[in-house]
Protein backbone atom coordinates (compact mmCIF):
# COMPACT_ATOMS: atom_id res chain seq x y z
CA UNK A 1 75.21 -107.59 157.13
CA UNK A 2 75.11 -109.28 153.77
CA UNK A 3 75.61 -112.54 154.61
CA UNK A 4 72.13 -113.66 155.47
CA UNK A 5 72.14 -113.57 159.38
CA UNK A 6 75.04 -115.98 159.66
CA UNK A 7 77.96 -115.06 161.84
CA UNK A 8 81.02 -114.83 159.72
CA UNK A 9 84.17 -116.16 161.51
CA UNK A 10 86.80 -116.11 158.88
CA UNK A 11 88.50 -113.67 156.57
CA UNK A 12 89.63 -110.57 158.48
CA UNK A 13 92.23 -110.06 160.95
CA UNK A 14 91.67 -108.83 164.42
CA UNK A 15 88.55 -109.91 166.60
CA UNK A 16 87.21 -112.08 163.95
CA UNK A 17 90.29 -113.90 163.21
CA UNK A 18 91.07 -114.46 167.03
CA UNK A 19 87.72 -115.91 167.37
CA UNK A 20 87.99 -118.16 164.51
CA UNK A 21 91.66 -119.33 165.66
CA UNK A 22 90.20 -119.97 169.16
CA UNK A 23 87.36 -122.17 167.55
CA UNK A 24 89.62 -124.30 165.50
CA UNK A 25 92.13 -124.87 168.26
CA UNK A 26 94.80 -122.12 168.22
CA UNK A 27 93.55 -120.85 171.32
CA UNK A 28 94.01 -122.11 174.87
CA UNK A 29 94.35 -125.88 174.93
CA UNK A 30 91.23 -127.93 175.89
CA UNK A 31 91.31 -131.13 177.64
CA UNK A 32 90.98 -133.76 174.81
CA UNK A 33 92.50 -132.10 172.01
CA UNK A 34 94.17 -134.24 169.33
CA UNK A 35 97.48 -134.34 171.27
CA UNK A 36 95.77 -135.72 174.73
CA UNK A 37 92.75 -137.38 173.20
CA UNK A 38 92.22 -140.93 174.41
CA UNK A 39 89.74 -143.56 173.13
CA UNK A 40 87.41 -142.91 175.90
CA UNK A 41 87.26 -138.90 175.62
CA UNK A 42 83.85 -137.81 176.43
CA UNK A 43 83.90 -135.06 174.29
CA UNK A 44 85.32 -134.25 170.46
CA UNK A 45 88.61 -132.79 170.14
CA UNK A 46 87.00 -129.47 169.10
CA UNK A 47 83.71 -128.18 169.61
CA UNK A 48 81.27 -128.92 166.73
CA UNK A 49 81.05 -125.26 165.92
CA UNK A 50 84.62 -125.30 164.87
CA UNK A 51 84.10 -128.14 162.29
CA UNK A 52 81.24 -126.14 161.07
CA UNK A 53 83.29 -122.88 160.67
CA UNK A 54 86.00 -124.50 158.75
CA UNK A 55 83.69 -126.32 156.38
CA UNK A 56 81.62 -122.95 155.78
CA UNK A 57 85.03 -121.08 155.22
CA UNK A 58 86.20 -123.81 152.92
CA UNK A 59 83.05 -123.46 150.79
CA UNK A 60 83.14 -119.82 150.85
CA UNK A 61 83.96 -118.00 147.43
CA UNK A 62 86.96 -115.96 148.82
CA UNK A 63 88.62 -119.13 149.97
CA UNK A 64 87.72 -121.07 146.80
CA UNK A 65 89.53 -118.02 144.71
CA UNK A 66 92.48 -117.86 147.03
CA UNK A 67 92.99 -121.77 147.07
CA UNK A 68 92.64 -121.79 143.26
CA UNK A 69 94.88 -118.74 142.85
CA UNK A 70 97.86 -120.40 145.18
CA UNK A 71 97.25 -124.15 144.40
CA UNK A 72 95.50 -124.28 141.03
CA UNK A 73 92.91 -126.52 142.27
CA UNK A 74 89.68 -126.41 144.10
CA UNK A 75 89.93 -126.74 147.78
CA UNK A 76 88.86 -130.11 149.04
CA UNK A 77 86.29 -129.54 151.64
CA UNK A 78 84.62 -132.94 152.00
CA UNK A 79 86.75 -134.01 155.00
CA UNK A 80 85.59 -131.11 157.02
CA UNK A 81 82.01 -132.10 156.17
CA UNK A 82 82.45 -135.59 157.07
CA UNK A 83 84.29 -134.29 160.23
CA UNK A 84 81.22 -132.07 161.22
CA UNK A 85 78.84 -135.09 160.60
CA UNK A 86 81.07 -137.20 162.92
CA UNK A 87 81.24 -134.72 165.55
CA UNK A 88 77.33 -134.22 165.71
CA UNK A 89 77.14 -138.17 165.75
CA UNK A 90 79.50 -138.27 168.58
CA UNK A 91 77.76 -135.69 170.81
CA UNK A 92 73.99 -136.87 169.82
CA UNK A 93 74.48 -140.48 169.79
CA UNK A 94 77.98 -141.30 171.44
CA UNK A 95 78.89 -143.35 168.22
CA UNK A 96 82.15 -145.33 168.62
CA UNK A 97 82.48 -145.37 164.79
CA UNK A 98 82.07 -141.34 164.74
CA UNK A 99 84.70 -141.09 167.41
CA UNK A 100 87.36 -143.22 165.88
CA UNK A 101 86.68 -141.40 162.54
CA UNK A 102 86.97 -137.93 164.03
CA UNK A 103 90.27 -138.94 166.05
CA UNK A 104 91.84 -140.29 163.15
CA UNK A 105 91.17 -137.31 161.16
CA UNK A 106 92.42 -135.00 163.82
CA UNK A 107 95.71 -137.06 164.18
CA UNK A 108 96.12 -136.84 160.36
CA UNK A 109 95.71 -132.99 160.72
CA UNK A 110 98.49 -133.03 163.29
CA UNK A 111 100.94 -135.20 161.10
CA UNK A 112 100.20 -132.97 158.17
CA UNK A 113 101.01 -129.86 160.07
CA UNK A 114 104.27 -131.61 161.45
CA UNK A 115 105.41 -132.61 158.16
CA UNK A 116 105.57 -128.98 156.69
CA UNK A 117 107.68 -126.77 159.14
CA UNK A 118 107.80 -123.21 158.71
CA UNK A 119 109.82 -122.02 155.82
CA UNK A 120 110.87 -118.32 157.25
CA UNK A 121 112.24 -117.75 160.66
CA UNK A 122 109.78 -114.91 162.27
CA UNK A 123 112.30 -111.94 163.19
CA UNK A 124 111.80 -110.35 166.42
CA UNK A 125 112.35 -106.92 165.52
CA UNK A 126 112.23 -104.75 162.30
CA UNK A 127 115.82 -104.16 160.61
CA UNK A 128 117.48 -101.17 161.85
CA UNK A 129 117.43 -99.25 158.68
CA UNK A 130 113.54 -99.93 158.07
CA UNK A 131 112.81 -96.10 158.20
CA UNK A 132 115.37 -94.95 155.71
CA UNK A 133 114.20 -94.11 152.19
CA UNK A 134 114.80 -96.72 149.38
CA UNK A 135 117.67 -96.57 147.06
CA UNK A 136 116.89 -94.81 143.54
CA UNK A 137 117.30 -96.74 140.48
CA UNK A 138 120.16 -95.71 138.65
CA UNK A 139 118.28 -95.82 135.15
CA UNK A 140 115.81 -93.00 136.58
């Protein structure tokens, strides 16, 4: 409702979030993903729908506001648009240039995620005293 009939894949946790993560490659691994991609792969590393979903998410008002607040600049969505065009070109015309461009873009994404490891160590359980009341200020 209120989205002009489009299916919204991002922004909420739960089912839609899981659906989006599966579309962009965080779900079960497919043959032909960025790590197993060979120059002669018959299909793109992700479904073209995943590139479309990422491009639309990047261009959304909510993502713009969040990205601007966090980074102080507009999000760069051009690469997602180029990847979507390359994916469609690869699927429709089996273009070698589109395949090369898309594979290089995916490799760059993988390199970028490997360059920035997690800052926080995820904890396995809450602290033992999580349920106790917070200490009161001495001033109040």
